[in-house]
């Protein structure tokens, strides 16, 4: 029953985010249609639909490693860079992951600090959890709810304590 309540909370949160995105889109379309009058009197900077805001949102995306038994948190940019460096258009297990199971050169201290930082960022909302996209050119991936993000952060912390 608790899982159903969390699922409802997540779907409500995602619906609210979609409504905000649609409102920003409608506002941008209004500014585009209104012509020079609106531009002169209301300004043009810091459009929330701009490339800068999109890149900032993409930089905050986080995945959970798909390798069997890993469950480490993976930065979306690192995963995309790993797949691109291997000259692939699709992600494979372990792309961008720095865990002992996935990385060629594992650095325990650095991995521990980075996992703690990403888990804390997922908890406070400065990073967000996403599903893996189909390929490196298919965007960042479907956004997950904050409950799923907190669960992934707790799992990564717990897994990290077991490894020590």
C-alpha atoms as a PDB file:
ATOM      1  CA  UNK A   1       0.000   0.000   0.000  1.00  0.00           C
ATOM      2  CA  UNK A   2       2.892   2.335   0.779  1.00  0.00           C
ATOM      3  CA  UNK A   3       4.380   1.688  -2.671  1.00  0.00           C
ATOM      4  CA  UNK A   4       1.101   2.741  -4.302  1.00  0.00           C
ATOM      5  CA  UNK A   5       1.071   5.975  -2.272  1.00  0.00           C
ATOM      6  CA  UNK A   6       4.663   6.722  -3.290  1.00  0.00           C
ATOM      7  CA  UNK A   7       3.796   6.010  -6.914  1.00  0.00           C
ATOM      8  CA  UNK A   8       0.865   8.444  -6.671  1.00  0.00           C
ATOM      9  CA  UNK A   9       3.161  11.065  -5.114  1.00  0.00           C
ATOM     10  CA  UNK A  10       5.702  10.576  -7.900  1.00  0.00           C
ATOM     11  CA  UNK A  11       3.092  10.783 -10.642  1.00  0.00           C
ATOM     12  CA  UNK A  12       1.636  13.939  -9.075  1.00  0.00           C
ATOM     13  CA  UNK A  13       5.109  15.473  -8.865  1.00  0.00           C
ATOM     14  CA  UNK A  14       5.880  14.596 -12.497  1.00  0.00           C
ATOM     15  CA  UNK A  15       2.503  15.984 -13.591  1.00  0.00           C
ATOM     16  CA  UNK A  16       3.255  19.253 -11.783  1.00  0.00           C
ATOM     17  CA  UNK A  17       6.660  19.458 -13.504  1.00  0.00           C
ATOM     18  CA  UNK A  18       5.005  18.841 -16.888  1.00  0.00           C
ATOM     19  CA  UNK A  19       2.455  21.592 -16.176  1.00  0.00           C
ATOM     20  CA  UNK A  20       5.269  24.021 -15.301  1.00  0.00           C
ATOM     21  CA  UNK A  21       7.114  23.092 -18.492  1.00  0.00           C
ATOM     22  CA  UNK A  22       3.944  23.649 -20.551  1.00  0.00           C
ATOM     23  CA  UNK A  23       3.375  27.032 -18.893  1.00  0.00           C
ATOM     24  CA  UNK A  24       6.945  28.098 -19.686  1.00  0.00           C
ATOM     25  CA  UNK A  25       6.430  26.951 -23.280  1.00  0.00           C
ATOM     26  CA  UNK A  26       3.184  28.933 -23.591  1.00  0.00           C
ATOM     27  CA  UNK A  27       4.894  32.020 -22.139  1.00  0.00           C
ATOM     28  CA  UNK A  28       7.760  31.667 -24.613  1.00  0.00           C
ATOM     29  CA  UNK A  29       5.307  31.315 -27.495  1.00  0.00           C
ATOM     30  CA  UNK A  30       3.464  34.437 -26.312  1.00  0.00           C
ATOM     31  CA  UNK A  31       6.723  36.398 -26.199  1.00  0.00           C
ATOM     32  CA  UNK A  32       7.549  35.171 -29.685  1.00  0.00           C
ATOM     33  CA  UNK A  33       4.128  36.174 -31.089  1.00  0.00           C
ATOM     34  CA  UNK A  34       3.899  39.531 -29.341  1.00  0.00           C
ATOM     35  CA  UNK A  35       6.671  41.118 -31.378  1.00  0.00           C
ATOM     36  CA  UNK A  36       8.782  44.131 -30.587  1.00  0.00           C
ATOM     37  CA  UNK A  37       6.394  45.751 -28.099  1.00  0.00           C
ATOM     38  CA  UNK A  38       6.758  42.920 -25.607  1.00  0.00           C
ATOM     39  CA  UNK A  39      10.503  42.702 -26.197  1.00  0.00           C
ATOM     40  CA  UNK A  40      11.049  46.396 -25.571  1.00  0.00           C
ATOM     41  CA  UNK A  41       8.898  46.595 -22.458  1.00  0.00           C
ATOM     42  CA  UNK A  42       9.410  43.189 -20.868  1.00  0.00           C
ATOM     43  CA  UNK A  43      12.970  42.167 -21.676  1.00  0.00           C
ATOM     44  CA  UNK A  44      14.400  39.151 -23.470  1.00  0.00           C
ATOM     45  CA  UNK A  45      16.925  37.496 -21.154  1.00  0.00           C
ATOM     46  CA  UNK A  46      16.824  34.355 -19.030  1.00  0.00           C
ATOM     47  CA  UNK A  47      14.156  32.484 -20.951  1.00  0.00           C
ATOM     48  CA  UNK A  48      13.546  29.234 -19.033  1.00  0.00           C
ATOM     49  CA  UNK A  49      13.245  27.390 -22.367  1.00  0.00           C
ATOM     50  CA  UNK A  50      16.667  28.557 -23.540  1.00  0.00           C
ATOM     51  CA  UNK A  51      19.586  26.306 -24.372  1.00  0.00           C
ATOM     52  CA  UNK A  52      21.431  27.429 -21.234  1.00  0.00           C
ATOM     53  CA  UNK A  53      18.663  26.183 -18.962  1.00  0.00           C
ATOM     54  CA  UNK A  54      18.364  22.955 -20.943  1.00  0.00           C
ATOM     55  CA  UNK A  55      22.075  22.279 -20.644  1.00  0.00           C
ATOM     56  CA  UNK A  56      22.001  23.001 -16.910  1.00  0.00           C
ATOM     57  CA  UNK A  57      19.128  20.544 -16.477  1.00  0.00           C
ATOM     58  CA  UNK A  58      20.956  17.904 -18.511  1.00  0.00           C
ATOM     59  CA  UNK A  59      24.091  18.378 -16.412  1.00  0.00           C
ATOM     60  CA  UNK A  60      22.090  17.516 -13.277  1.00  0.00           C
ATOM     61  CA  UNK A  61      20.811  14.186 -14.640  1.00  0.00           C
ATOM     62  CA  UNK A  62      21.865  11.009 -12.834  1.00  0.00           C
ATOM     63  CA  UNK A  63      21.469   7.335 -13.745  1.00  0.00           C
ATOM     64  CA  UNK A  64      21.777   4.105 -11.787  1.00  0.00           C
ATOM     65  CA  UNK A  65      24.406   1.771 -13.255  1.00  0.00           C
ATOM     66  CA  UNK A  66      22.916  -1.137 -15.207  1.00  0.00           C
ATOM     67  CA  UNK A  67      25.754  -3.579 -14.530  1.00  0.00           C
ATOM     68  CA  UNK A  68      24.725  -6.637 -12.526  1.00  0.00           C
ATOM     69  CA  UNK A  69      25.264  -6.023  -8.811  1.00  0.00           C
ATOM     70  CA  UNK A  70      26.614  -2.484  -9.190  1.00  0.00           C
ATOM     71  CA  UNK A  71      23.772   0.029  -8.501  1.00  0.00           C
ATOM     72  CA  UNK A  72      26.224   2.945  -8.347  1.00  0.00           C
ATOM     73  CA  UNK A  73      25.108   6.447  -9.284  1.00  0.00           C
ATOM     74  CA  UNK A  74      26.333   7.580 -12.708  1.00  0.00           C
ATOM     75  CA  UNK A  75      26.552  11.131 -14.038  1.00  0.00           C
ATOM     76  CA  UNK A  76      24.699  11.369 -17.365  1.00  0.00           C
ATOM     77  CA  UNK A  77      27.489  13.379 -18.986  1.00  0.00           C
ATOM     78  CA  UNK A  78      30.117  10.815 -18.007  1.00  0.00           C
ATOM     79  CA  UNK A  79      27.949   8.007 -19.397  1.00  0.00           C
ATOM     80  CA  UNK A  80      27.465   9.848 -22.674  1.00  0.00           C
ATOM     81  CA  UNK A  81      31.197  10.627 -22.902  1.00  0.00           C
ATOM     82  CA  UNK A  82      32.077   6.986 -22.220  1.00  0.00           C
ATOM     83  CA  UNK A  83      29.818   5.723 -24.989  1.00  0.00           C
ATOM     84  CA  UNK A  84      31.045   8.401 -27.401  1.00  0.00           C
ATOM     85  CA  UNK A  85      34.692   7.613 -26.612  1.00  0.00           C
ATOM     86  CA  UNK A  86      34.037   3.992 -27.506  1.00  0.00           C
ATOM     87  CA  UNK A  87      32.411   5.252 -30.737  1.00  0.00           C
ATOM     88  CA  UNK A  88      29.017   3.785 -29.873  1.00  0.00           C
ATOM     89  CA  UNK A  89      25.589   5.361 -30.289  1.00  0.00           C
ATOM     90  CA  UNK A  90      23.967   3.142 -27.647  1.00  0.00           C
ATOM     91  CA  UNK A  91      24.790   2.839 -23.967  1.00  0.00           C
ATOM     92  CA  UNK A  92      26.252  -0.375 -22.593  1.00  0.00           C
ATOM     93  CA  UNK A  93      26.509  -1.641 -19.049  1.00  0.00           C
ATOM     94  CA  UNK A  94      29.125   0.284 -17.103  1.00  0.00           C
ATOM     95  CA  UNK A  95      29.240   3.410 -19.276  1.00  0.00           C
ATOM     96  CA  UNK A  96      30.349   6.320 -17.102  1.00  0.00           C
ATOM     97  CA  UNK A  97      30.434   4.209 -13.926  1.00  0.00           C
ATOM     98  CA  UNK A  98      33.494   4.490 -11.694  1.00  0.00           C
ATOM     99  CA  UNK A  99      32.725   1.527  -9.422  1.00  0.00           C
ATOM    100  CA  UNK A 100      35.074  -1.366  -8.841  1.00  0.00           C
ATOM    101  CA  UNK A 101      32.911  -3.624 -11.016  1.00  0.00           C
ATOM    102  CA  UNK A 102      32.807  -1.284 -14.020  1.00  0.00           C
ATOM    103  CA  UNK A 103      35.914   0.921 -14.091  1.00  0.00           C
ATOM    104  CA  UNK A 104      39.236  -0.121 -15.546  1.00  0.00           C
ATOM    105  CA  UNK A 105      41.098   2.063 -13.032  1.00  0.00           C
ATOM    106  CA  UNK A 106      39.113   2.060  -9.809  1.00  0.00           C
ATOM    107  CA  UNK A 107      39.972   4.769  -7.289  1.00  0.00           C
ATOM    108  CA  UNK A 108      38.248   3.872  -4.024  1.00  0.00           C
ATOM    109  CA  UNK A 109      38.583   7.193  -2.188  1.00  0.00           C
ATOM    110  CA  UNK A 110      37.520   9.284  -5.181  1.00  0.00           C
ATOM    111  CA  UNK A 111      34.603   6.951  -5.926  1.00  0.00           C
ATOM    112  CA  UNK A 112      33.387   7.112  -2.325  1.00  0.00           C
ATOM    113  CA  UNK A 113      33.463  10.925  -2.210  1.00  0.00           C
ATOM    114  CA  UNK A 114      31.723  11.268  -5.569  1.00  0.00           C
ATOM    115  CA  UNK A 115      28.985   8.786  -4.649  1.00  0.00           C
ATOM    116  CA  UNK A 116      28.345  10.614  -1.372  1.00  0.00           C
ATOM    117  CA  UNK A 117      28.148  13.942  -3.189  1.00  0.00           C
ATOM    118  CA  UNK A 118      25.752  12.617  -5.833  1.00  0.00           C
ATOM    119  CA  UNK A 119      23.563  10.914  -3.204  1.00  0.00           C
ATOM    120  CA  UNK A 120      23.369  14.148  -1.192  1.00  0.00           C
ATOM    121  CA  UNK A 121      22.529  16.101  -4.353  1.00  0.00           C
ATOM    122  CA  UNK A 122      19.743  13.642  -5.202  1.00  0.00           C
ATOM    123  CA  UNK A 123      18.366  14.034  -1.684  1.00  0.00           C
ATOM    124  CA  UNK A 124      18.354  17.839  -1.731  1.00  0.00           C
ATOM    125  CA  UNK A 125      17.025  18.088  -5.303  1.00  0.00           C
ATOM    126  CA  UNK A 126      20.012  19.699  -7.031  1.00  0.00           C
ATOM    127  CA  UNK A 127      20.397  16.519  -9.132  1.00  0.00           C
ATOM    128  CA  UNK A 128      17.606  14.359 -10.530  1.00  0.00           C
ATOM    129  CA  UNK A 129      17.263  10.701 -11.402  1.00  0.00           C
ATOM    130  CA  UNK A 130      16.472   9.600 -14.955  1.00  0.00           C
ATOM    131  CA  UNK A 131      15.954   6.348 -16.815  1.00  0.00           C
ATOM    132  CA  UNK A 132      18.634   5.415 -19.323  1.00  0.00           C
ATOM    133  CA  UNK A 133      17.739   6.715 -22.802  1.00  0.00           C
ATOM    134  CA  UNK A 134      17.873   4.481 -25.873  1.00  0.00           C
ATOM    135  CA  UNK A 135      21.069   6.102 -27.151  1.00  0.00           C
ATOM    136  CA  UNK A 136      23.409   9.047 -26.747  1.00  0.00           C
ATOM    137  CA  UNK A 137      21.398  11.171 -29.186  1.00  0.00           C
ATOM    138  CA  UNK A 138      18.019  10.468 -27.544  1.00  0.00           C
ATOM    139  CA  UNK A 139      18.137  13.163 -24.874  1.00  0.00           C
ATOM    140  CA  UNK A 140      18.774  12.727 -21.175  1.00  0.00           C
ATOM    141  CA  UNK A 141      16.062  10.177 -20.455  1.00  0.00           C
ATOM    142  CA  UNK A 142      12.706  10.060 -18.721  1.00  0.00           C
ATOM    143  CA  UNK A 143      12.756  11.858 -15.394  1.00  0.00           C
ATOM    144  CA  UNK A 144      11.922   9.804 -12.300  1.00  0.00           C
ATOM    145  CA  UNK A 145      10.200  11.119  -9.185  1.00  0.00           C
ATOM    146  CA  UNK A 146      11.901  12.346  -6.027  1.00  0.00           C
ATOM    147  CA  UNK A 147      10.943   9.162  -4.148  1.00  0.00           C
ATOM    148  CA  UNK A 148      12.833   7.061  -6.684  1.00  0.00           C
ATOM    149  CA  UNK A 149      15.784   9.472  -6.448  1.00  0.00           C
ATOM    150  CA  UNK A 150      15.920   9.206  -2.649  1.00  0.00           C
ATOM    151  CA  UNK A 151      15.694   5.412  -2.897  1.00  0.00           C
ATOM    152  CA  UNK A 152      18.567   5.293  -5.402  1.00  0.00           C
ATOM    153  CA  UNK A 153      20.655   7.558  -3.138  1.00  0.00           C
ATOM    154  CA  UNK A 154      19.979   5.355  -0.111  1.00  0.00           C
ATOM    155  CA  UNK A 155      20.801   2.220  -2.107  1.00  0.00           C
ATOM    156  CA  UNK A 156      24.085   3.720  -3.304  1.00  0.00           C
ATOM    157  CA  UNK A 157      25.024   4.702   0.258  1.00  0.00           C
ATOM    158  CA  UNK A 158      24.138   1.259   1.591  1.00  0.00           C
ATOM    159  CA  UNK A 159      26.044  -0.504  -1.204  1.00  0.00           C
ATOM    160  CA  UNK A 160      29.048   1.717  -0.527  1.00  0.00           C
ATOM    161  CA  UNK A 161      29.058   0.758   3.184  1.00  0.00           C
ATOM    162  CA  UNK A 162      28.968  -2.939   2.288  1.00  0.00           C
ATOM    163  CA  UNK A 163      32.024  -2.595   0.029  1.00  0.00           C
ATOM    164  CA  UNK A 164      34.197  -0.955   2.683  1.00  0.00           C
END
